[in-house]
Amino acid sequence: MTFPTQVNNQITDAVTQANVKVLAEAPAMALGSIYQSMAHSTGILFQNAVSAQQQQNTLAMAAANQGVMQIYSLNTMAGAAATEKVAQGGIADNLTSLLTVLQSFINR
């Protein structure tokens, strides 16, 4: 019960009940606001993850492209000459020199 005032009791009861209603809805409204904030944050999180994946994919393609460009930019003749040198190792030249020296001893 309210104390007797100059305002009608029905008015004071209505105002009191409206205030109680607002106070009773406050936790639900706060929880709803928290849920909305969490949903928004989760959405931004997934957007950032997708963006990072796209950037990583672009970097991977660029790295692969650079590797292929380096492979194709090698001078093929220089590569063939280097491979031949490594494969022979100068064995034929050494054998020819050795044969020449041996023949020079025999001819003396």
N, C-alpha and C. Protein backbone atom coordinates (compact mmCIF):
# COMPACT_ATOMS: atom_id res chain seq x y z
N MET A 1 0.83 -1.18 0.00
CA MET A 1 0.00 0.00 0.00
C MET A 1 0.87 1.24 0.00
N THR A 2 0.36 2.23 -0.62
CA THR A 2 1.06 3.50 -0.66
C THR A 2 0.48 4.42 0.40
N PHE A 3 1.30 5.37 0.72
CA PHE A 3 0.84 6.35 1.71
C PHE A 3 -0.16 7.30 1.05
N PRO A 4 -1.13 7.75 1.81
CA PRO A 4 -2.10 8.68 1.22
C PRO A 4 -1.42 9.98 0.81
N THR A 5 -1.59 10.36 -0.44
CA THR A 5 -1.03 11.61 -0.97
C THR A 5 -2.13 12.37 -1.68
N GLN A 6 -1.75 13.50 -2.25
CA GLN A 6 -2.72 14.28 -2.98
C GLN A 6 -3.00 13.68 -4.35
N VAL A 7 -2.12 12.76 -4.81
CA VAL A 7 -2.31 12.11 -6.11
C VAL A 7 -3.19 10.89 -5.88
N ASN A 8 -4.00 10.59 -6.85
CA ASN A 8 -4.89 9.44 -6.77
C ASN A 8 -4.08 8.16 -6.59
N ASN A 9 -4.58 7.25 -5.75
CA ASN A 9 -3.88 6.00 -5.46
C ASN A 9 -3.72 5.13 -6.72
N GLN A 10 -4.68 5.19 -7.61
CA GLN A 10 -4.57 4.38 -8.83
C GLN A 10 -3.41 4.85 -9.70
N ILE A 11 -3.14 6.15 -9.71
CA ILE A 11 -2.04 6.69 -10.50
C ILE A 11 -0.71 6.24 -9.90
N THR A 12 -0.59 6.35 -8.60
CA THR A 12 0.67 5.95 -7.96
C THR A 12 0.90 4.45 -8.13
N ASP A 13 -0.15 3.65 -8.05
CA ASP A 13 0.01 2.21 -8.27
C ASP A 13 0.45 1.92 -9.71
N ALA A 14 -0.12 2.63 -10.68
CA ALA A 14 0.25 2.41 -12.07
C ALA A 14 1.71 2.78 -12.32
N VAL A 15 2.15 3.90 -11.76
CA VAL A 15 3.54 4.32 -11.93
C VAL A 15 4.48 3.32 -11.26
N THR A 16 4.12 2.86 -10.07
CA THR A 16 4.96 1.88 -9.37
C THR A 16 5.05 0.58 -10.15
N GLN A 17 3.91 0.13 -10.66
CA GLN A 17 3.93 -1.11 -11.44
C GLN A 17 4.74 -0.95 -12.73
N ALA A 18 4.68 0.21 -13.36
CA ALA A 18 5.47 0.44 -14.57
C ALA A 18 6.96 0.43 -14.25
N ASN A 19 7.33 1.01 -13.11
CA ASN A 19 8.75 1.01 -12.71
C ASN A 19 9.22 -0.41 -12.41
N VAL A 20 8.39 -1.20 -11.75
CA VAL A 20 8.74 -2.59 -11.44
C VAL A 20 8.88 -3.38 -12.74
N LYS A 21 8.00 -3.11 -13.69
CA LYS A 21 8.07 -3.80 -14.98
C LYS A 21 9.39 -3.50 -15.67
N VAL A 22 9.81 -2.23 -15.65
CA VAL A 22 11.08 -1.85 -16.27
C VAL A 22 12.24 -2.52 -15.56
N LEU A 23 12.21 -2.55 -14.25
CA LEU A 23 13.29 -3.20 -13.50
C LEU A 23 13.31 -4.71 -13.76
N ALA A 24 12.16 -5.31 -13.92
CA ALA A 24 12.10 -6.75 -14.15
C ALA A 24 12.61 -7.11 -15.56
N GLU A 25 12.45 -6.22 -16.51
CA GLU A 25 12.91 -6.49 -17.86
C GLU A 25 14.40 -6.19 -18.06
N ALA A 26 15.02 -5.50 -17.13
CA ALA A 26 16.41 -5.08 -17.31
C ALA A 26 17.37 -6.26 -17.51
N PRO A 27 17.30 -7.34 -16.72
CA PRO A 27 18.23 -8.44 -16.96
C PRO A 27 18.05 -9.08 -18.33
N ALA A 28 16.82 -9.24 -18.77
CA ALA A 28 16.58 -9.83 -20.08
C ALA A 28 17.10 -8.92 -21.19
N MET A 29 16.89 -7.65 -21.05
CA MET A 29 17.39 -6.71 -22.06
C MET A 29 18.93 -6.71 -22.07
N ALA A 30 19.55 -6.76 -20.89
CA ALA A 30 21.01 -6.79 -20.83
C ALA A 30 21.55 -8.05 -21.46
N LEU A 31 20.91 -9.19 -21.17
CA LEU A 31 21.36 -10.45 -21.75
C LEU A 31 21.17 -10.44 -23.27
N GLY A 32 20.07 -9.89 -23.74
CA GLY A 32 19.86 -9.78 -25.18
C GLY A 32 20.92 -8.92 -25.84
N SER A 33 21.29 -7.84 -25.17
CA SER A 33 22.35 -6.97 -25.70
C SER A 33 23.69 -7.69 -25.74
N ILE A 34 23.97 -8.48 -24.70
CA ILE A 34 25.22 -9.24 -24.68
C ILE A 34 25.23 -10.26 -25.81
N TYR A 35 24.11 -10.95 -26.02
CA TYR A 35 24.04 -11.94 -27.10
C TYR A 35 24.24 -11.28 -28.47
N GLN A 36 23.65 -10.11 -28.65
CA GLN A 36 23.84 -9.41 -29.92
C GLN A 36 25.30 -9.01 -30.11
N SER A 37 25.94 -8.54 -29.05
CA SER A 37 27.35 -8.15 -29.15
C SER A 37 28.22 -9.36 -29.46
N MET A 38 27.92 -10.49 -28.82
CA MET A 38 28.70 -11.70 -29.07
C MET A 38 28.50 -12.19 -30.51
N ALA A 39 27.27 -12.13 -31.00
CA ALA A 39 27.01 -12.56 -32.37
C ALA A 39 27.74 -11.65 -33.37
N HIS A 40 27.73 -10.36 -33.09
CA HIS A 40 28.43 -9.42 -33.97
C HIS A 40 29.94 -9.66 -33.94
N SER A 41 30.49 -9.88 -32.74
CA SER A 41 31.92 -10.14 -32.61
C SER A 41 32.31 -11.43 -33.31
N THR A 42 31.46 -12.45 -33.20
CA THR A 42 31.75 -13.72 -33.88
C THR A 42 31.71 -13.54 -35.39
N GLY A 43 30.78 -12.75 -35.88
CA GLY A 43 30.72 -12.47 -37.31
C GLY A 43 31.98 -11.77 -37.80
N ILE A 44 32.45 -10.80 -37.05
CA ILE A 44 33.68 -10.09 -37.42
C ILE A 44 34.88 -11.04 -37.36
N LEU A 45 34.88 -11.94 -36.36
CA LEU A 45 35.96 -12.92 -36.25
C LEU A 45 36.04 -13.79 -37.50
N PHE A 46 34.89 -14.29 -37.96
CA PHE A 46 34.89 -15.13 -39.15
C PHE A 46 35.26 -14.34 -40.40
N GLN A 47 34.83 -13.09 -40.47
CA GLN A 47 35.21 -12.26 -41.61
C GLN A 47 36.73 -12.06 -41.65
N ASN A 48 37.33 -11.83 -40.48
CA ASN A 48 38.78 -11.66 -40.43
C ASN A 48 39.50 -12.96 -40.79
N ALA A 49 38.95 -14.09 -40.36
CA ALA A 49 39.57 -15.38 -40.70
C ALA A 49 39.53 -15.63 -42.19
N VAL A 50 38.42 -15.32 -42.83
CA VAL A 50 38.31 -15.50 -44.28
C VAL A 50 39.27 -14.55 -44.99
N SER A 51 39.36 -13.33 -44.52
CA SER A 51 40.28 -12.37 -45.14
C SER A 51 41.73 -12.83 -45.00
N ALA A 52 42.10 -13.35 -43.82
CA ALA A 52 43.47 -13.85 -43.63
C ALA A 52 43.74 -15.04 -44.54
N GLN A 53 42.77 -15.93 -44.71
CA GLN A 53 42.96 -17.07 -45.60
C GLN A 53 43.14 -16.62 -47.04
N GLN A 54 42.39 -15.62 -47.44
CA GLN A 54 42.53 -15.12 -48.81
C GLN A 54 43.91 -14.50 -49.02
N GLN A 55 44.38 -13.76 -48.02
CA GLN A 55 45.70 -13.15 -48.14
C GLN A 55 46.79 -14.21 -48.17
N GLN A 56 46.65 -15.26 -47.34
CA GLN A 56 47.63 -16.34 -47.35
C GLN A 56 47.63 -17.07 -48.69
N ASN A 57 46.45 -17.26 -49.24
CA ASN A 57 46.35 -17.92 -50.56
C ASN A 57 47.03 -17.08 -51.62
N THR A 58 46.83 -15.78 -51.58
CA THR A 58 47.47 -14.88 -52.55
C THR A 58 48.99 -14.92 -52.40
N LEU A 59 49.47 -14.93 -51.16
CA LEU A 59 50.92 -15.00 -50.94
C LEU A 59 51.48 -16.33 -51.43
N ALA A 60 50.76 -17.42 -51.20
CA ALA A 60 51.23 -18.73 -51.65
C ALA A 60 51.31 -18.78 -53.17
N MET A 61 50.30 -18.23 -53.84
CA MET A 61 50.33 -18.21 -55.31
C MET A 61 51.48 -17.35 -55.82
N ALA A 62 51.72 -16.22 -55.15
CA ALA A 62 52.83 -15.34 -55.58
C ALA A 62 54.17 -16.04 -55.38
N ALA A 63 54.32 -16.76 -54.27
CA ALA A 63 55.59 -17.47 -54.03
C ALA A 63 55.79 -18.58 -55.06
N ALA A 64 54.73 -19.32 -55.36
CA ALA A 64 54.84 -20.36 -56.38
C ALA A 64 55.16 -19.76 -57.74
N ASN A 65 54.55 -18.64 -58.06
CA ASN A 65 54.81 -17.97 -59.34
C ASN A 65 56.27 -17.51 -59.42
N GLN A 66 56.79 -16.97 -58.32
CA GLN A 66 58.19 -16.55 -58.31
C GLN A 66 59.13 -17.73 -58.51
N GLY A 67 58.81 -18.87 -57.88
CA GLY A 67 59.63 -20.06 -58.06
C GLY A 67 59.63 -20.55 -59.49
N VAL A 68 58.47 -20.56 -60.10
CA VAL A 68 58.39 -21.00 -61.51
C VAL A 68 59.13 -20.02 -62.41
N MET A 69 59.00 -18.74 -62.14
CA MET A 69 59.71 -17.76 -62.95
C MET A 69 61.22 -17.93 -62.82
N GLN A 70 61.71 -18.25 -61.62
CA GLN A 70 63.14 -18.46 -61.44
C GLN A 70 63.60 -19.71 -62.18
N ILE A 71 62.78 -20.74 -62.15
CA ILE A 71 63.15 -21.97 -62.86
C ILE A 71 63.22 -21.71 -64.36
N TYR A 72 62.24 -21.02 -64.90
CA TYR A 72 62.22 -20.76 -66.34
C TYR A 72 63.22 -19.71 -66.79
N SER A 73 63.72 -18.89 -65.87
CA SER A 73 64.64 -17.83 -66.27
C SER A 73 66.09 -18.28 -66.30
N LEU A 74 66.38 -19.51 -65.88
CA LEU A 74 67.76 -19.99 -65.94
C LEU A 74 68.19 -20.12 -67.39
N ASN A 75 69.42 -19.80 -67.63
CA ASN A 75 69.97 -19.94 -68.97
C ASN A 75 70.18 -21.43 -69.23
N THR A 76 69.51 -21.96 -70.23
CA THR A 76 69.55 -23.40 -70.45
C THR A 76 70.91 -23.87 -70.95
N MET A 77 71.58 -23.08 -71.78
CA MET A 77 72.89 -23.48 -72.28
C MET A 77 73.92 -23.48 -71.14
N ALA A 78 73.84 -22.48 -70.29
CA ALA A 78 74.78 -22.43 -69.16
C ALA A 78 74.52 -23.61 -68.23
N GLY A 79 73.26 -23.94 -68.05
CA GLY A 79 72.92 -25.09 -67.22
C GLY A 79 73.42 -26.39 -67.83
N ALA A 80 73.31 -26.53 -69.14
CA ALA A 80 73.78 -27.74 -69.82
C ALA A 80 75.29 -27.85 -69.73
N ALA A 81 75.99 -26.73 -69.91
CA ALA A 81 77.46 -26.76 -69.83
C ALA A 81 77.91 -27.11 -68.42
N ALA A 82 77.25 -26.54 -67.43
CA ALA A 82 77.61 -26.84 -66.04
C ALA A 82 77.34 -28.30 -65.73
N THR A 83 76.24 -28.82 -66.22
CA THR A 83 75.91 -30.23 -65.99
C THR A 83 76.95 -31.13 -66.65
N GLU A 84 77.37 -30.78 -67.85
CA GLU A 84 78.38 -31.59 -68.55
C GLU A 84 79.70 -31.57 -67.79
N LYS A 85 80.09 -30.41 -67.28
CA LYS A 85 81.34 -30.32 -66.51
C LYS A 85 81.27 -31.16 -65.25
N VAL A 86 80.14 -31.09 -64.58
CA VAL A 86 80.00 -31.87 -63.35
C VAL A 86 79.99 -33.36 -63.68
N ALA A 87 79.33 -33.73 -64.76
CA ALA A 87 79.22 -35.14 -65.11
C ALA A 87 80.56 -35.72 -65.53
N GLN A 88 81.34 -34.99 -66.31
CA GLN A 88 82.63 -35.52 -66.78
C GLN A 88 83.72 -35.34 -65.75
N GLY A 89 83.70 -34.23 -65.09
CA GLY A 89 84.70 -33.99 -64.06
C GLY A 89 86.12 -33.88 -64.61
N GLY A 90 86.28 -33.69 -65.92
CA GLY A 90 87.60 -33.54 -66.50
C GLY A 90 88.35 -34.85 -66.64
N ILE A 91 87.67 -35.97 -66.59
CA ILE A 91 88.33 -37.28 -66.67
C ILE A 91 89.00 -37.47 -68.02
N ALA A 92 88.32 -37.12 -69.08
CA ALA A 92 88.91 -37.30 -70.41
C ALA A 92 90.17 -36.45 -70.58
N ASP A 93 90.14 -35.23 -70.11
CA ASP A 93 91.31 -34.37 -70.21
C ASP A 93 92.46 -34.94 -69.39
N ASN A 94 92.18 -35.43 -68.22
CA ASN A 94 93.23 -36.00 -67.38
C ASN A 94 93.84 -37.25 -68.02
N LEU A 95 93.00 -38.11 -68.60
CA LEU A 95 93.51 -39.32 -69.25
C LEU A 95 94.37 -38.98 -70.46
N THR A 96 93.95 -38.00 -71.21
CA THR A 96 94.73 -37.59 -72.38
C THR A 96 96.09 -37.05 -71.95
N SER A 97 96.12 -36.25 -70.92
CA SER A 97 97.39 -35.71 -70.42
C SER A 97 98.29 -36.83 -69.92
N LEU A 98 97.72 -37.78 -69.20
CA LEU A 98 98.50 -38.89 -68.69
C LEU A 98 99.08 -39.74 -69.82
N LEU A 99 98.29 -40.00 -70.85
CA LEU A 99 98.76 -40.77 -72.00
C LEU A 99 99.90 -40.04 -72.72
N THR A 100 99.80 -38.75 -72.85
CA THR A 100 100.85 -37.96 -73.49
C THR A 100 102.15 -38.05 -72.69
N VAL A 101 102.07 -37.96 -71.39
CA VAL A 101 103.27 -38.03 -70.55
C VAL A 101 103.89 -39.41 -70.64
N LEU A 102 103.08 -40.46 -70.62
CA LEU A 102 103.61 -41.82 -70.71
C LEU A 102 104.29 -42.06 -72.06
N GLN A 103 103.70 -41.58 -73.12
CA GLN A 103 104.32 -41.75 -74.44
C GLN A 103 105.63 -40.99 -74.54
N SER A 104 105.68 -39.86 -73.88
CA SER A 104 106.95 -39.11 -73.92
C SER A 104 108.05 -39.87 -73.19
N PHE A 105 107.72 -40.66 -72.14
CA PHE A 105 108.74 -41.46 -71.46
C PHE A 105 109.18 -42.65 -72.33
N ILE A 106 108.21 -43.21 -73.06
CA ILE A 106 108.53 -44.38 -73.89
C ILE A 106 109.41 -43.97 -75.06
N ASN A 107 109.17 -42.84 -75.62
CA ASN A 107 109.92 -42.39 -76.77
C ASN A 107 111.33 -41.98 -76.43
N ARG A 108 111.70 -41.81 -75.25
CA ARG A 108 113.03 -41.35 -74.90
C ARG A 108 113.99 -42.41 -74.94
